[in-house]
């Protein structure tokens, strides 16, 4: 079913995600979201944005480019990205990004005692990882498997599977769920929920209106929206083709099973061909 456009930008576009979370003036929103994500665990008081492209370690280095790379006041690195298209090695990609941010902390040329600051990787996905149906949030850490306890807190991977969130606004139970609801439905909303009670959401409503984009931003947004829709259409087309091929394979397998049974009943090749529409060669191979 097509989504009816509302008055706000789509967070799943490059420019939409940047306006909401990825610029200096959007720091209060990113802080608010991260603290809602990690409520009861820790409080982040300040952030500074770092260059997304890190310097190369060696010639030909394929350094990752993150959507957002930032650092807390105490030195922890936080990577935040939004992914629309499913990646066959997405879990490994999250691991690689996090490991890259850890390795970059190594000091060269001096005595260094591996004083590593924690790295958090937060990934919004517009798809569901295989085997994780129904789970909005996937939390991964490095654990001692025998003791079933955390081995080190220096690497944390959090995946937020947006298709798994199905609550309506009135069903949201906490600030984190309200954030997820807004991000998932923002582009079809005519008003920003909870803006009257929350200054962060009120400010989000002010900066995220499509009508308030500059001419340059609007051109970039329209292009980004087209790329986003093209991606969704490509995914939907691939899924539809896969379902059609699956149905065709099922029918072919059923015809072969019927032909095998008829052959065991000593029916003639001609009669089996009429019943199954298989070729004589296919039937003789059974």
Protein backbone atom coordinates (compact mmCIF):
# COMPACT_ATOMS: atom_id res chain seq x y z
CA UNK A 1 0.00 0.00 0.00
CA UNK A 2 1.36 3.41 -1.00
CA UNK A 3 2.21 5.85 1.79
CA UNK A 4 0.51 9.24 1.66
CA UNK A 5 3.05 12.02 2.04
CA UNK A 6 2.80 14.22 5.11
CA UNK A 7 4.46 17.53 5.89
CA UNK A 8 7.77 16.18 7.24
CA UNK A 9 10.91 14.80 5.61
CA UNK A 10 11.58 11.10 5.22
CA UNK A 11 14.25 10.01 7.77
CA UNK A 12 15.26 7.09 5.53
CA UNK A 13 16.72 9.46 2.94
CA UNK A 14 20.31 10.68 3.20
CA UNK A 15 19.40 14.32 3.69
CA UNK A 16 16.49 13.51 6.00
CA UNK A 17 18.69 11.46 8.32
CA UNK A 18 21.35 14.18 8.24
CA UNK A 19 18.91 16.94 9.18
CA UNK A 20 17.46 14.93 12.07
CA UNK A 21 20.68 13.54 13.56
CA UNK A 22 23.82 14.33 11.58
CA UNK A 23 24.60 18.04 11.88
CA UNK A 24 25.92 20.26 14.65
CA UNK A 25 22.53 21.90 15.25
CA UNK A 26 20.90 18.45 15.49
CA UNK A 27 23.17 17.34 18.36
CA UNK A 28 20.43 17.79 21.04
CA UNK A 29 18.19 15.38 19.11
CA UNK A 30 20.93 12.78 18.73
CA UNK A 31 21.78 13.05 22.43
CA UNK A 32 18.12 12.70 23.35
CA UNK A 33 17.66 9.63 21.15
CA UNK A 34 20.86 7.89 22.33
CA UNK A 35 19.97 8.47 25.97
CA UNK A 36 16.49 7.03 25.32
CA UNK A 37 18.17 4.04 23.64
CA UNK A 38 20.54 3.50 26.57
CA UNK A 39 18.20 4.51 29.40
CA UNK A 40 19.09 2.82 32.69
CA UNK A 41 22.53 1.96 31.32
CA UNK A 42 24.35 5.25 30.90
CA UNK A 43 23.83 8.96 30.25
CA UNK A 44 25.66 10.81 27.47
CA UNK A 45 26.15 14.46 28.34
CA UNK A 46 27.88 15.74 25.20
CA UNK A 47 28.97 14.69 21.72
CA UNK A 48 31.25 15.96 19.02
CA UNK A 49 30.93 14.94 15.40
CA UNK A 50 33.98 13.41 13.73
CA UNK A 51 34.85 13.11 10.05
CA UNK A 52 32.99 10.16 8.56
CA UNK A 53 35.93 9.19 6.35
CA UNK A 54 38.84 8.12 8.53
CA UNK A 55 42.43 8.38 7.27
CA UNK A 56 43.74 5.31 5.45
CA UNK A 57 45.80 2.77 7.39
CA UNK A 58 47.60 1.59 4.26
CA UNK A 59 47.61 2.15 0.49
CA UNK A 60 44.36 0.91 -1.01
CA UNK A 61 42.65 0.96 2.40
CA UNK A 62 38.88 0.62 2.04
CA UNK A 63 37.97 2.66 5.10
CA UNK A 64 34.25 2.65 5.86
CA UNK A 65 32.16 5.79 5.51
CA UNK A 66 29.58 6.04 8.30
CA UNK A 67 26.34 7.98 8.26
CA UNK A 68 27.28 9.50 11.62
CA UNK A 69 30.49 9.10 13.60
CA UNK A 70 30.70 10.93 16.90
CA UNK A 71 32.57 10.88 20.18
CA UNK A 72 31.28 11.33 23.72
CA UNK A 73 32.84 13.68 26.26
CA UNK A 74 34.65 10.69 27.80
CA UNK A 75 36.01 9.44 24.47
CA UNK A 76 33.65 6.61 23.46
CA UNK A 77 32.94 6.36 19.75
CA UNK A 78 29.35 6.07 18.51
CA UNK A 79 28.51 5.06 14.95
CA UNK A 80 24.94 5.59 13.77
CA UNK A 81 23.71 4.56 10.34
CA UNK A 82 20.49 3.99 8.44
CA UNK A 83 20.26 1.13 5.93
CA UNK A 84 17.38 0.62 3.49
CA UNK A 85 18.70 -2.30 1.42
CA UNK A 86 19.42 -5.71 2.91
CA UNK A 87 23.07 -6.71 2.85
CA UNK A 88 24.00 -10.42 2.81
CA UNK A 89 26.80 -9.82 5.33
CA UNK A 90 25.21 -7.05 7.34
CA UNK A 91 26.20 -8.50 10.73
CA UNK A 92 29.81 -8.76 9.56
CA UNK A 93 29.61 -5.19 8.26
CA UNK A 94 28.56 -3.95 11.71
CA UNK A 95 31.42 -5.89 13.26
CA UNK A 96 33.91 -4.48 10.74
CA UNK A 97 32.82 -0.87 11.31
CA UNK A 98 33.13 -1.29 15.08
CA UNK A 99 36.49 -3.07 14.86
CA UNK A 100 37.76 -0.33 12.55
CA UNK A 101 36.86 2.34 15.10
CA UNK A 102 38.67 0.34 17.81
CA UNK A 103 41.82 -0.22 15.74
CA UNK A 104 42.05 3.51 14.94
CA UNK A 105 42.55 4.22 18.63
CA UNK A 106 45.98 2.57 18.64
CA UNK A 107 48.82 4.97 19.33
CA UNK A 108 51.84 4.67 17.03
CA UNK A 109 55.45 5.29 18.00
CA UNK A 110 54.97 5.40 21.76
CA UNK A 111 54.37 2.93 24.56
CA UNK A 112 50.64 2.27 24.55
CA UNK A 113 48.78 -0.01 26.96
CA UNK A 114 45.63 -0.69 24.91
CA UNK A 115 43.54 1.89 26.74
CA UNK A 116 40.58 1.38 24.43
CA UNK A 117 37.44 3.47 24.66
CA UNK A 118 34.16 1.69 24.00
CA UNK A 119 32.64 1.71 20.52
CA UNK A 120 28.88 1.66 20.04
CA UNK A 121 27.40 0.78 16.65
CA UNK A 122 23.72 1.69 16.22
CA UNK A 123 22.12 0.61 12.94
CA UNK A 124 18.59 1.42 11.82
CA UNK A 125 17.52 -1.14 9.22
CA UNK A 126 14.54 -0.93 6.90
CA UNK A 127 14.63 -4.72 6.63
CA UNK A 128 14.68 -7.72 8.97
CA UNK A 129 17.75 -9.89 9.47
CA UNK A 130 17.26 -13.59 8.78
CA UNK A 131 16.29 -15.38 11.97
CA UNK A 132 15.34 -12.19 13.86
CA UNK A 133 11.68 -11.79 12.86
CA UNK A 134 9.54 -9.85 15.29
CA UNK A 135 12.40 -8.21 17.20
CA UNK A 136 12.72 -4.45 16.99
CA UNK A 137 15.97 -4.36 18.92
CA UNK A 138 18.96 -6.68 18.68
CA UNK A 139 21.66 -6.06 21.32
CA UNK A 140 25.05 -7.72 20.87
CA UNK A 141 28.11 -7.66 23.15
CA UNK A 142 31.23 -9.75 23.69
CA UNK A 143 30.31 -12.43 26.24
CA UNK A 144 31.98 -15.23 28.18
CA UNK A 145 29.91 -18.12 26.83
CA UNK A 146 30.65 -20.43 29.78
CA UNK A 147 29.80 -17.88 32.47
CA UNK A 148 27.04 -16.30 30.36
CA UNK A 149 28.23 -12.83 31.32
CA UNK A 150 29.80 -9.85 29.60
CA UNK A 151 33.48 -10.35 28.80
CA UNK A 152 34.21 -6.72 27.90
CA UNK A 153 32.09 -3.61 27.41
CA UNK A 154 34.36 -2.14 24.71
CA UNK A 155 32.19 -3.20 21.76
CA UNK A 156 28.42 -2.92 21.51
CA UNK A 157 26.29 -3.57 18.44
CA UNK A 158 22.65 -2.46 18.42
CA UNK A 159 20.40 -3.13 15.44
CA UNK A 160 16.96 -1.51 15.27
CA UNK A 161 14.74 -3.38 12.78
CA UNK A 162 12.16 -0.76 11.89
CA UNK A 163 9.68 -3.12 10.11
CA UNK A 164 9.26 -4.98 13.41
CA UNK A 165 7.81 -1.92 15.16
CA UNK A 166 4.04 -1.96 14.66
CA UNK A 167 2.72 0.12 17.57
CA UNK A 168 0.42 3.07 17.07
CA UNK A 169 1.15 6.40 18.78
CA UNK A 170 -1.19 5.76 21.70
CA UNK A 171 0.47 2.37 22.34
CA UNK A 172 3.99 3.74 22.84
CA UNK A 173 5.05 3.12 26.42
CA UNK A 174 8.25 5.17 26.79
CA UNK A 175 10.39 7.87 25.20
CA UNK A 176 12.41 5.37 23.13
CA UNK A 177 9.28 3.91 21.56
CA UNK A 178 7.99 7.41 20.82
CA UNK A 179 11.24 8.13 18.96
CA UNK A 180 10.90 4.92 16.93
CA UNK A 181 7.26 5.69 16.11
CA UNK A 182 8.16 9.16 14.84
CA UNK A 183 11.10 7.96 12.74
CA UNK A 184 9.06 5.17 11.16
CA UNK A 185 6.00 7.30 10.38
CA UNK A 186 7.43 10.80 10.08
CA UNK A 187 7.02 11.20 6.32
CA UNK A 188 3.25 10.55 6.51
CA UNK A 189 2.49 12.62 9.61
CA UNK A 190 0.57 15.90 9.40
CA UNK A 191 1.59 16.89 12.91
CA UNK A 192 4.40 15.91 15.23
CA UNK A 193 3.06 13.82 18.12
CA UNK A 194 4.15 14.72 21.66
CA UNK A 195 5.59 18.06 20.47
CA UNK A 196 3.51 19.97 23.01
CA UNK A 197 4.98 17.94 25.87
CA UNK A 198 8.56 17.55 24.63
CA UNK A 199 10.88 20.36 23.50
CA UNK A 200 13.05 17.99 21.43
CA UNK A 201 10.07 16.81 19.37
CA UNK A 202 8.83 20.39 19.08
CA UNK A 203 12.17 21.46 17.62
CA UNK A 204 12.18 18.41 15.35
CA UNK A 205 8.81 19.50 13.97
CA UNK A 206 10.22 22.93 13.22
CA UNK A 207 13.34 21.81 11.33
CA UNK A 208 11.90 18.76 9.58
CA UNK A 209 9.08 20.34 7.59
CA UNK A 210 9.59 19.85 3.86
CA UNK A 211 8.25 23.37 3.23
CA UNK A 212 11.07 24.87 5.33
CA UNK A 213 13.90 23.35 3.31
CA UNK A 214 16.03 25.78 1.34
CA UNK A 215 15.86 25.59 -2.44
CA UNK A 216 19.16 23.68 -2.51
CA UNK A 217 18.02 21.33 0.26
CA UNK A 218 14.71 20.71 -1.52
CA UNK A 219 16.50 19.70 -4.73
CA UNK A 220 18.79 17.37 -2.76
CA UNK A 221 15.81 15.98 -0.83
CA UNK A 222 13.78 15.29 -3.96
CA UNK A 223 16.74 13.45 -5.47
CA UNK A 224 17.29 11.48 -2.26
CA UNK A 225 13.58 10.62 -2.08
CA UNK A 226 13.72 9.32 -5.64
CA UNK A 227 16.70 7.11 -4.76
CA UNK A 228 14.85 5.84 -1.69
CA UNK A 229 11.74 4.98 -3.71
CA UNK A 230 13.82 3.35 -6.45
CA UNK A 231 15.47 1.19 -3.79
CA UNK A 232 12.11 0.12 -2.35
CA UNK A 233 10.74 -0.63 -5.82
CA UNK A 234 13.82 -2.70 -6.68
CA UNK A 235 13.45 -4.67 -3.45
CA UNK A 236 9.72 -5.21 -4.03
CA UNK A 237 10.41 -6.32 -7.62
CA UNK A 238 13.04 -8.80 -6.51
CA UNK A 239 10.71 -10.21 -3.84
CA UNK A 240 7.85 -10.53 -6.35
CA UNK A 241 10.12 -12.28 -8.84
CA UNK A 242 11.36 -14.62 -6.12
CA UNK A 243 7.81 -15.53 -5.13
CA UNK A 244 6.87 -16.18 -8.77
CA UNK A 245 9.93 -18.35 -9.30
CA UNK A 246 9.14 -20.21 -6.09
CA UNK A 247 5.60 -20.93 -7.25
CA UNK A 248 6.89 -22.12 -10.64
CA UNK A 249 9.42 -24.40 -8.98
CA UNK A 250 6.69 -25.79 -6.75
CA UNK A 251 4.44 -26.57 -9.71
CA UNK A 252 7.31 -28.23 -11.57
CA UNK A 253 8.18 -30.37 -8.55
CA UNK A 254 4.53 -31.37 -8.15
CA UNK A 255 4.33 -32.39 -11.82
CA UNK A 256 7.44 -34.53 -11.45
CA UNK A 257 6.01 -36.26 -8.38
CA UNK A 258 2.75 -36.99 -10.20
CA UNK A 259 4.63 -38.28 -13.24
CA UNK A 260 6.74 -40.57 -11.04
CA UNK A 261 3.63 -42.04 -9.43
CA UNK A 262 1.95 -42.54 -12.82
CA UNK A 263 5.08 -44.16 -14.18
CA UNK A 264 5.10 -46.58 -11.24
CA UNK A 265 1.53 -47.46 -12.20
CA UNK A 266 2.85 -48.45 -15.64
CA UNK A 267 0.99 -45.75 -17.56
CA UNK A 268 2.33 -44.99 -20.98
CA UNK A 269 4.70 -42.09 -21.59
CA UNK A 270 2.09 -40.47 -23.83
CA UNK A 271 -0.60 -40.59 -21.14
CA UNK A 272 1.78 -39.20 -18.52
CA UNK A 273 2.75 -36.38 -20.90
CA UNK A 274 -0.93 -35.46 -21.32
CA UNK A 275 -1.54 -35.55 -17.55
CA UNK A 276 1.52 -33.54 -16.49
CA UNK A 277 2.57 -31.59 -19.61
CA UNK A 278 6.12 -32.83 -19.06
CA UNK A 279 8.32 -33.85 -21.97
CA UNK A 280 9.11 -37.48 -22.76
CA UNK A 281 12.74 -36.85 -21.80
CA UNK A 282 11.78 -35.50 -18.36
CA UNK A 283 9.52 -38.51 -17.72
CA UNK A 284 12.11 -41.05 -18.89
CA UNK A 285 14.68 -39.59 -16.47
CA UNK A 286 12.44 -40.41 -13.51
